[in-house]
C-alpha atoms as a PDB file:
ATOM      1  CA  MET A   1      -2.382  -8.118  13.654  1.00  0.00           C
ATOM      2  CA  CYS A   2      -1.297  -8.752  10.065  1.00  0.00           C
ATOM      3  CA  HIS A   3       2.116 -10.009   8.995  1.00  0.00           C
ATOM      4  CA  SER A   4       4.634 -11.629  11.340  1.00  0.00           C
ATOM      5  CA  THR A   5       8.409 -11.598  11.093  1.00  0.00           C
ATOM      6  CA  ASP A   6       8.098 -14.956   9.298  1.00  0.00           C
ATOM      7  CA  SER A   7       5.921 -13.476   6.543  1.00  0.00           C
ATOM      8  CA  ARG A   8       7.396 -13.186   3.071  1.00  0.00           C
ATOM      9  CA  PRO A   9       6.196 -11.367  -0.049  1.00  0.00           C
ATOM     10  CA  PRO A  10       5.870 -13.442  -3.229  1.00  0.00           C
ATOM     11  CA  ALA A  11       9.065 -14.213  -5.096  1.00  0.00           C
ATOM     12  CA  LEU A  12       9.565 -13.034  -8.670  1.00  0.00           C
ATOM     13  CA  ASP A  13      10.487 -15.378 -11.501  1.00  0.00           C
ATOM     14  CA  ASN A  14      13.114 -13.030 -12.922  1.00  0.00           C
ATOM     15  CA  PRO A  15      13.940 -10.419 -10.284  1.00  0.00           C
ATOM     16  CA  GLY A  16      15.925  -7.390 -11.285  1.00  0.00           C
ATOM     17  CA  GLU A  17      18.717  -5.820  -9.281  1.00  0.00           C
ATOM     18  CA  VAL A  18      18.138  -3.352  -6.460  1.00  0.00           C
ATOM     19  CA  ALA A  19      20.587  -0.471  -6.769  1.00  0.00           C
ATOM     20  CA  GLU A  20      19.916   1.124  -3.392  1.00  0.00           C
ATOM     21  CA  GLU A  21      17.929   0.156  -0.312  1.00  0.00           C
ATOM     22  CA  GLY A  22      17.643   1.000   3.356  1.00  0.00           C
ATOM     23  CA  LEU A  23      15.979   3.062   6.023  1.00  0.00           C
ATOM     24  CA  LEU A  24      15.795   6.807   5.715  1.00  0.00           C
ATOM     25  CA  GLU A  25      14.244   9.652   7.653  1.00  0.00           C
ATOM     26  CA  LEU A  26      11.834  11.944   5.847  1.00  0.00           C
ATOM     27  CA  THR A  27      10.179  15.153   6.997  1.00  0.00           C
ATOM     28  CA  SER A  28       6.479  15.812   6.524  1.00  0.00           C
ATOM     29  CA  ALA A  29       5.009  19.223   5.736  1.00  0.00           C
ATOM     30  CA  ASP A  30       4.245  19.816   9.421  1.00  0.00           C
ATOM     31  CA  GLY A  31       7.886  19.258  10.340  1.00  0.00           C
ATOM     32  CA  THR A  32       7.437  15.698  11.607  1.00  0.00           C
ATOM     33  CA  ALA A  33      10.396  13.383  11.081  1.00  0.00           C
ATOM     34  CA  PHE A  34       9.295   9.858  10.239  1.00  0.00           C
ATOM     35  CA  SER A  35      10.889   6.645   9.045  1.00  0.00           C
ATOM     36  CA  ALA A  36      10.613   5.105   5.624  1.00  0.00           C
ATOM     37  CA  PHE A  37      12.328   2.278   3.798  1.00  0.00           C
ATOM     38  CA  ARG A  38      13.516   2.998   0.275  1.00  0.00           C
ATOM     39  CA  SER A  39      14.263   0.512  -2.477  1.00  0.00           C
ATOM     40  CA  ILE A  40      15.566   1.869  -5.767  1.00  0.00           C
ATOM     41  CA  PRO A  41      15.744  -0.451  -8.800  1.00  0.00           C
ATOM     42  CA  ALA A  42      18.833  -0.686 -10.969  1.00  0.00           C
ATOM     43  CA  GLU A  43      16.569  -0.584 -14.021  1.00  0.00           C
ATOM     44  CA  PRO A  44      13.516   1.524 -13.138  1.00  0.00           C
ATOM     45  CA  ASN A  45      10.342   1.108 -15.166  1.00  0.00           C
ATOM     46  CA  GLY A  46       9.243   4.709 -14.635  1.00  0.00           C
ATOM     47  CA  VAL A  47       6.623   4.080 -11.925  1.00  0.00           C
ATOM     48  CA  ASN A  48       6.798   5.108  -8.254  1.00  0.00           C
ATOM     49  CA  VAL A  49       5.135   3.073  -5.496  1.00  0.00           C
ATOM     50  CA  VAL A  50       4.456   4.166  -1.919  1.00  0.00           C
ATOM     51  CA  ILE A  51       3.623   1.270   0.415  1.00  0.00           C
ATOM     52  CA  LEU A  52       1.251   1.913   3.322  1.00  0.00           C
ATOM     53  CA  PRO A  53       1.857  -0.914   5.807  1.00  0.00           C
ATOM     54  CA  ASP A  54      -0.519  -2.504   8.254  1.00  0.00           C
ATOM     55  CA  ILE A  55      -1.020  -1.241  11.803  1.00  0.00           C
ATOM     56  CA  ARG A  56       2.653  -1.604  12.776  1.00  0.00           C
ATOM     57  CA  GLY A  57       4.303   0.669  10.250  1.00  0.00           C
ATOM     58  CA  THR A  58       7.769  -0.123   8.855  1.00  0.00           C
ATOM     59  CA  HIS A  59       7.697  -3.773   9.880  1.00  0.00           C
ATOM     60  CA  PRO A  60      10.361  -6.020   8.257  1.00  0.00           C
ATOM     61  CA  TYR A  61       7.751  -7.613   5.972  1.00  0.00           C
ATOM     62  CA  TYR A  62       7.176  -4.271   4.269  1.00  0.00           C
ATOM     63  CA  GLN A  63      10.875  -3.657   3.871  1.00  0.00           C
ATOM     64  CA  ALA A  64      11.084  -6.983   2.038  1.00  0.00           C
ATOM     65  CA  LEU A  65       8.015  -6.049  -0.003  1.00  0.00           C
ATOM     66  CA  ALA A  66       9.592  -2.732  -0.997  1.00  0.00           C
ATOM     67  CA  ASN A  67      12.572  -4.683  -2.302  1.00  0.00           C
ATOM     68  CA  ARG A  68      10.238  -6.984  -4.204  1.00  0.00           C
ATOM     69  CA  PHE A  69       8.616  -4.026  -5.947  1.00  0.00           C
ATOM     70  CA  ALA A  70      12.053  -2.626  -6.767  1.00  0.00           C
ATOM     71  CA  GLN A  71      13.103  -5.984  -8.219  1.00  0.00           C
ATOM     72  CA  ALA A  72      10.120  -5.577 -10.544  1.00  0.00           C
ATOM     73  CA  GLY A  73      11.356  -2.119 -11.572  1.00  0.00           C
ATOM     74  CA  TYR A  74       9.258   0.110  -9.311  1.00  0.00           C
ATOM     75  CA  THR A  75      10.936   2.938  -7.417  1.00  0.00           C
ATOM     76  CA  THR A  76       9.526   2.263  -3.964  1.00  0.00           C
ATOM     77  CA  ALA A  77       9.242   3.532  -0.406  1.00  0.00           C
ATOM     78  CA  ALA A  78       7.352   2.047   2.553  1.00  0.00           C
ATOM     79  CA  ILE A  79       6.309   4.611   5.154  1.00  0.00           C
ATOM     80  CA  ASP A  80       5.802   4.497   8.918  1.00  0.00           C
ATOM     81  CA  TYR A  81       2.790   6.021  10.709  1.00  0.00           C
ATOM     82  CA  TYR A  82       4.245   6.780  14.110  1.00  0.00           C
ATOM     83  CA  GLY A  83       6.740   9.594  13.709  1.00  0.00           C
ATOM     84  CA  ARG A  84       4.436  11.962  15.612  1.00  0.00           C
ATOM     85  CA  THR A  85       3.868   9.617  18.540  1.00  0.00           C
ATOM     86  CA  ALA A  86       6.884   7.296  18.781  1.00  0.00           C
ATOM     87  CA  GLY A  87       9.531   9.075  16.721  1.00  0.00           C
ATOM     88  CA  PRO A  88      11.367   7.506  13.781  1.00  0.00           C
ATOM     89  CA  GLY A  89      12.257   3.846  14.094  1.00  0.00           C
ATOM     90  CA  VAL A  90      11.841   0.286  12.855  1.00  0.00           C
ATOM     91  CA  ARG A  91       8.739  -1.550  14.062  1.00  0.00           C
ATOM     92  CA  ASP A  92       9.185  -5.196  14.959  1.00  0.00           C
ATOM     93  CA  ASP A  93       6.763  -7.633  16.595  1.00  0.00           C
ATOM     94  CA  LYS A  94       7.443  -6.052  20.001  1.00  0.00           C
ATOM     95  CA  PHE A  95       6.343  -2.565  18.928  1.00  0.00           C
ATOM     96  CA  GLU A  96       3.366  -1.417  21.014  1.00  0.00           C
ATOM     97  CA  TRP A  97       1.192   0.150  18.350  1.00  0.00           C
ATOM     98  CA  GLN A  98      -2.156  -0.280  20.117  1.00  0.00           C
ATOM     99  CA  PRO A  99      -2.251   3.024  22.060  1.00  0.00           C
ATOM    100  CA  LEU A 100      -0.806   4.937  19.112  1.00  0.00           C
ATOM    101  CA  LEU A 101      -2.982   3.817  16.207  1.00  0.00           C
ATOM    102  CA  PRO A 102      -6.077   5.826  17.263  1.00  0.00           C
ATOM    103  CA  GLN A 103      -3.951   8.968  17.094  1.00  0.00           C
ATOM    104  CA  VAL A 104      -3.078   8.494  13.407  1.00  0.00           C
ATOM    105  CA  LYS A 105      -5.076  10.948  11.302  1.00  0.00           C
ATOM    106  CA  PRO A 106      -5.794  10.546   7.562  1.00  0.00           C
ATOM    107  CA  GLU A 107      -4.465  14.012   6.772  1.00  0.00           C
ATOM    108  CA  GLU A 108      -1.181  13.123   8.483  1.00  0.00           C
ATOM    109  CA  VAL A 109      -0.915   9.893   6.509  1.00  0.00           C
ATOM    110  CA  ALA A 110      -1.528  11.874   3.320  1.00  0.00           C
ATOM    111  CA  ALA A 111       1.178  14.373   4.260  1.00  0.00           C
ATOM    112  CA  ASP A 112       3.666  11.593   4.915  1.00  0.00           C
ATOM    113  CA  VAL A 113       2.784   9.901   1.625  1.00  0.00           C
ATOM    114  CA  ARG A 114       3.362  13.221  -0.113  1.00  0.00           C
ATOM    115  CA  ALA A 115       6.814  13.471   1.475  1.00  0.00           C
ATOM    116  CA  ALA A 116       7.637   9.921   0.375  1.00  0.00           C
ATOM    117  CA  ALA A 117       6.394  10.577  -3.159  1.00  0.00           C
ATOM    118  CA  THR A 118       8.487  13.745  -3.332  1.00  0.00           C
ATOM    119  CA  TYR A 119      11.535  11.739  -2.300  1.00  0.00           C
ATOM    120  CA  LEU A 120      10.860   9.086  -4.944  1.00  0.00           C
ATOM    121  CA  GLU A 121      10.358  11.727  -7.610  1.00  0.00           C
ATOM    122  CA  GLN A 122      13.964  12.804  -7.049  1.00  0.00           C
ATOM    123  CA  HIS A 123      14.919   9.417  -8.489  1.00  0.00           C
ATOM    124  CA  ASN A 124      12.074   9.027 -10.957  1.00  0.00           C
ATOM    125  CA  THR A 125       9.543  11.594 -12.182  1.00  0.00           C
ATOM    126  CA  GLY A 126       6.913   9.053 -13.222  1.00  0.00           C
ATOM    127  CA  PRO A 127       3.401   8.387 -11.893  1.00  0.00           C
ATOM    128  CA  VAL A 128       2.751   7.478  -8.255  1.00  0.00           C
ATOM    129  CA  PHE A 129       0.684   4.513  -7.060  1.00  0.00           C
ATOM    130  CA  THR A 130      -0.062   3.616  -3.455  1.00  0.00           C
ATOM    131  CA  VAL A 131      -0.322   0.053  -2.168  1.00  0.00           C
ATOM    132  CA  GLY A 132      -1.733  -0.496   1.314  1.00  0.00           C
ATOM    133  CA  PHE A 133      -2.524  -3.364   3.661  1.00  0.00           C
ATOM    134  CA  CYS A 134      -5.229  -3.638   6.347  1.00  0.00           C
ATOM    135  CA  PHE A 135      -5.264  -0.172   7.999  1.00  0.00           C
ATOM    136  CA  GLY A 136      -2.946   0.972   5.214  1.00  0.00           C
ATOM    137  CA  GLY A 137      -5.281  -0.500   2.608  1.00  0.00           C
ATOM    138  CA  GLY A 138      -8.085   1.785   3.717  1.00  0.00           C
ATOM    139  CA  GLN A 139      -5.715   4.739   3.903  1.00  0.00           C
ATOM    140  CA  SER A 140      -4.478   3.931   0.389  1.00  0.00           C
ATOM    141  CA  TRP A 141      -8.029   3.887  -1.003  1.00  0.00           C
ATOM    142  CA  ARG A 142      -8.752   7.152   0.801  1.00  0.00           C
ATOM    143  CA  LEU A 143      -5.854   8.861  -0.980  1.00  0.00           C
ATOM    144  CA  SER A 144      -7.815   8.533  -4.228  1.00  0.00           C
ATOM    145  CA  ALA A 145     -10.026  11.333  -2.890  1.00  0.00           C
ATOM    146  CA  GLY A 146      -7.157  13.631  -1.951  1.00  0.00           C
ATOM    147  CA  ASP A 147      -5.028  16.156  -3.785  1.00  0.00           C
ATOM    148  CA  LEU A 148      -1.816  14.129  -4.074  1.00  0.00           C
ATOM    149  CA  GLY A 149      -2.312  13.436  -7.757  1.00  0.00           C
ATOM    150  CA  VAL A 150      -1.880   9.672  -7.406  1.00  0.00           C
ATOM    151  CA  THR A 151      -2.432   7.728 -10.611  1.00  0.00           C
ATOM    152  CA  GLY A 152      -4.043   4.782  -8.837  1.00  0.00           C
ATOM    153  CA  VAL A 153      -4.540   3.290  -5.379  1.00  0.00           C
ATOM    154  CA  ILE A 154      -4.391  -0.349  -4.307  1.00  0.00           C
ATOM    155  CA  GLY A 155      -5.557  -1.911  -1.068  1.00  0.00           C
ATOM    156  CA  PHE A 156      -5.255  -5.433   0.316  1.00  0.00           C
ATOM    157  CA  TYR A 157      -7.947  -6.388   2.839  1.00  0.00           C
ATOM    158  CA  GLY A 158      -8.432  -2.705   3.614  1.00  0.00           C
ATOM    159  CA  LEU A 159     -10.927  -1.004   5.896  1.00  0.00           C
ATOM    160  CA  PRO A 160     -13.796   0.618   3.950  1.00  0.00           C
ATOM    161  CA  ARG A 161     -14.850   2.590   7.028  1.00  0.00           C
ATOM    162  CA  LEU A 162     -11.763   4.741   6.490  1.00  0.00           C
ATOM    163  CA  VAL A 163     -13.073   5.784   3.068  1.00  0.00           C
ATOM    164  CA  ASN A 164     -16.866   5.920   3.254  1.00  0.00           C
ATOM    165  CA  ASP A 165     -17.012   9.646   4.040  1.00  0.00           C
ATOM    166  CA  VAL A 166     -15.000  10.668   0.945  1.00  0.00           C
ATOM    167  CA  VAL A 167     -16.424   8.366  -1.751  1.00  0.00           C
ATOM    168  CA  ASP A 168     -17.906  11.270  -3.702  1.00  0.00           C
ATOM    169  CA  ASP A 169     -14.466  12.917  -3.908  1.00  0.00           C
ATOM    170  CA  ILE A 170     -12.646   9.896  -5.332  1.00  0.00           C
ATOM    171  CA  SER A 171     -10.891  10.749  -8.596  1.00  0.00           C
ATOM    172  CA  ALA A 172      -8.244   8.026  -9.067  1.00  0.00           C
ATOM    173  CA  PRO A 173      -8.981   4.370  -9.912  1.00  0.00           C
ATOM    174  CA  LEU A 174      -8.971   1.805  -7.105  1.00  0.00           C
ATOM    175  CA  LEU A 175      -7.967  -1.843  -6.878  1.00  0.00           C
ATOM    176  CA  LEU A 176      -9.585  -3.793  -4.023  1.00  0.00           C
ATOM    177  CA  LEU A 177      -8.021  -7.177  -3.220  1.00  0.00           C
ATOM    178  CA  LEU A 178     -10.155  -8.763  -0.524  1.00  0.00           C
ATOM    179  CA  ALA A 179      -9.991 -11.811   1.717  1.00  0.00           C
ATOM    180  CA  GLY A 180     -13.107 -13.956   1.684  1.00  0.00           C
ATOM    181  CA  GLU A 181     -12.607 -14.880   5.349  1.00  0.00           C
ATOM    182  CA  ASP A 182     -11.414 -11.484   6.565  1.00  0.00           C
ATOM    183  CA  VAL A 183     -11.808 -11.141  10.329  1.00  0.00           C
ATOM    184  CA  ALA A 184     -11.192  -7.382  10.330  1.00  0.00           C
ATOM    185  CA  THR A 185     -13.994  -6.466   7.910  1.00  0.00           C
ATOM    186  CA  SER A 186     -17.209  -8.301   7.086  1.00  0.00           C
ATOM    187  CA  GLN A 187     -18.126  -9.204   3.516  1.00  0.00           C
ATOM    188  CA  GLU A 188     -21.269  -7.113   3.987  1.00  0.00           C
ATOM    189  CA  GLU A 189     -19.123  -4.067   4.680  1.00  0.00           C
ATOM    190  CA  PHE A 190     -17.091  -4.701   1.531  1.00  0.00           C
ATOM    191  CA  GLN A 191     -20.294  -5.114  -0.497  1.00  0.00           C
ATOM    192  CA  GLU A 192     -21.704  -1.904   0.919  1.00  0.00           C
ATOM    193  CA  PHE A 193     -18.505  -0.075  -0.011  1.00  0.00           C
ATOM    194  CA  ALA A 194     -18.616  -1.450  -3.560  1.00  0.00           C
ATOM    195  CA  GLY A 195     -22.245  -0.334  -3.795  1.00  0.00           C
ATOM    196  CA  LYS A 196     -21.258   3.192  -2.819  1.00  0.00           C
ATOM    197  CA  LEU A 197     -18.520   3.211  -5.454  1.00  0.00           C
ATOM    198  CA  ASP A 198     -21.017   1.997  -8.058  1.00  0.00           C
ATOM    199  CA  ALA A 199     -23.597   4.596  -7.074  1.00  0.00           C
ATOM    200  CA  ALA A 200     -20.986   7.338  -7.339  1.00  0.00           C
ATOM    201  CA  GLY A 201     -19.759   6.059 -10.720  1.00  0.00           C
ATOM    202  CA  LYS A 202     -16.186   5.468  -9.572  1.00  0.00           C
ATOM    203  CA  ASP A 203     -13.546   3.488 -11.455  1.00  0.00           C
ATOM    204  CA  TYR A 204     -12.518   0.412  -9.496  1.00  0.00           C
ATOM    205  CA  ASP A 205     -11.572  -3.247  -9.812  1.00  0.00           C
ATOM    206  CA  LEU A 206     -12.479  -5.715  -7.068  1.00  0.00           C
ATOM    207  CA  HIS A 207     -11.486  -9.311  -6.484  1.00  0.00           C
ATOM    208  CA  VAL A 208     -12.400 -11.515  -3.527  1.00  0.00           C
ATOM    209  CA  TYR A 209     -10.174 -14.498  -2.713  1.00  0.00           C
ATOM    210  CA  GLU A 210     -12.774 -16.925  -1.426  1.00  0.00           C
ATOM    211  CA  GLY A 211     -11.768 -18.676   1.777  1.00  0.00           C
ATOM    212  CA  ALA A 212      -8.583 -16.655   2.123  1.00  0.00           C
ATOM    213  CA  PRO A 213      -7.726 -15.153   5.519  1.00  0.00           C
ATOM    214  CA  HIS A 214      -6.787 -11.600   6.359  1.00  0.00           C
ATOM    215  CA  SER A 215      -3.086 -11.163   5.437  1.00  0.00           C
ATOM    216  CA  PHE A 216      -3.141 -13.921   2.788  1.00  0.00           C
ATOM    217  CA  PHE A 217      -0.564 -11.989   0.737  1.00  0.00           C
ATOM    218  CA  ASP A 218       2.256 -13.989   2.273  1.00  0.00           C
ATOM    219  CA  ALA A 219       4.429 -16.522   0.461  1.00  0.00           C
ATOM    220  CA  SER A 220       4.975 -18.437   3.710  1.00  0.00           C
ATOM    221  CA  TYR A 221       1.317 -19.553   3.506  1.00  0.00           C
ATOM    222  CA  ALA A 222       1.624 -22.559   1.206  1.00  0.00           C
ATOM    223  CA  GLU A 223      -2.150 -22.951   1.195  1.00  0.00           C
ATOM    224  CA  TRP A 224      -2.632 -19.475  -0.247  1.00  0.00           C
ATOM    225  CA  GLN A 225       0.291 -19.403  -2.663  1.00  0.00           C
ATOM    226  CA  GLU A 226      -2.007 -19.294  -5.699  1.00  0.00           C
ATOM    227  CA  ALA A 227      -3.980 -16.375  -4.267  1.00  0.00           C
ATOM    228  CA  CYS A 228      -0.767 -14.600  -3.343  1.00  0.00           C
ATOM    229  CA  ASP A 229       0.657 -14.973  -6.848  1.00  0.00           C
ATOM    230  CA  ASP A 230      -2.624 -13.965  -8.480  1.00  0.00           C
ATOM    231  CA  ALA A 231      -2.855 -10.839  -6.337  1.00  0.00           C
ATOM    232  CA  TRP A 232       0.647  -9.803  -7.378  1.00  0.00           C
ATOM    233  CA  GLU A 233      -0.291 -10.218 -11.031  1.00  0.00           C
ATOM    234  CA  ARG A 234      -3.388  -8.097 -10.476  1.00  0.00           C
ATOM    235  CA  VAL A 235      -1.301  -5.354  -8.873  1.00  0.00           C
ATOM    236  CA  VAL A 236       1.104  -5.328 -11.805  1.00  0.00           C
ATOM    237  CA  GLY A 237      -1.760  -5.460 -14.305  1.00  0.00           C
ATOM    238  CA  PHE A 238      -3.580  -2.582 -12.608  1.00  0.00           C
ATOM    239  CA  ILE A 239      -0.465  -0.414 -12.695  1.00  0.00           C
ATOM    240  CA  GLN A 240       0.178  -1.269 -16.336  1.00  0.00           C
ATOM    241  CA  LYS A 241      -3.444  -0.564 -17.241  1.00  0.00           C
ATOM    242  CA  HIS A 242      -3.320   2.910 -15.771  1.00  0.00           C
ATOM    243  CA  THR A 243       0.107   3.856 -17.106  1.00  0.00           C
ATOM    244  CA  ALA A 244      -0.368   2.571 -20.647  1.00  0.00           C
ATOM    245  CA  PRO A 245       0.097   5.269 -23.303  1.00  0.00           C
ATOM    246  CA  VAL A 246      -3.087   6.598 -24.838  1.00  0.00           C
ATOM    247  CA  ALA A 247      -3.453   5.794 -28.547  1.00  0.00           C
ATOM    248  CA  VAL A 248      -3.748   8.838 -30.831  1.00  0.00           C
END
């Protein structure tokens, strides 16, 4: 399991105002109603972000993280994975995700991300980035091989095995933020994934936080505060890099 109810995303030095936030119900292309948490900045920077949570879906940590992105100017929504199996709802530490996770299909995740992106584009017509964690990290990377038109995909301690079969189809740049002491994925598996990306000539950035545990992106971990802050800066830098205007 990843983040607990005590987990906190990193704080911003100069947070902006959030104009609108809260749970909403979206409908996927197959008619499935699912939950999402929206956070709309008062002063948007023109970029949309869809958060793909860990195995529990719209857990409170990801609601707080959506607000953090909005405070930085990003028009943001965090999605839930379990509309098809558990119906819409908030997922706390008591949510029994274990029997439901194996039923989550990549194409359904992609459809739900598309619905969330469409919702965000009603507020802001700018580029879309995905940011995922653990299970959601692998799903985020996988979206770079789909037809959603994402500008870039970001994954924290993701699962390469969710992406290995579509490496050749990847068309959007990836950011891989990895835990050196990840218990969910071995370093050998990460290295093998990076080798496949290299062999296929894909655009990606990778950083390993040596000694850091799975779910280190948590401001309540004093020991990993530096890694947490650095990872946030890398996320912001990656987005800026891939939205910068092209010189003519």
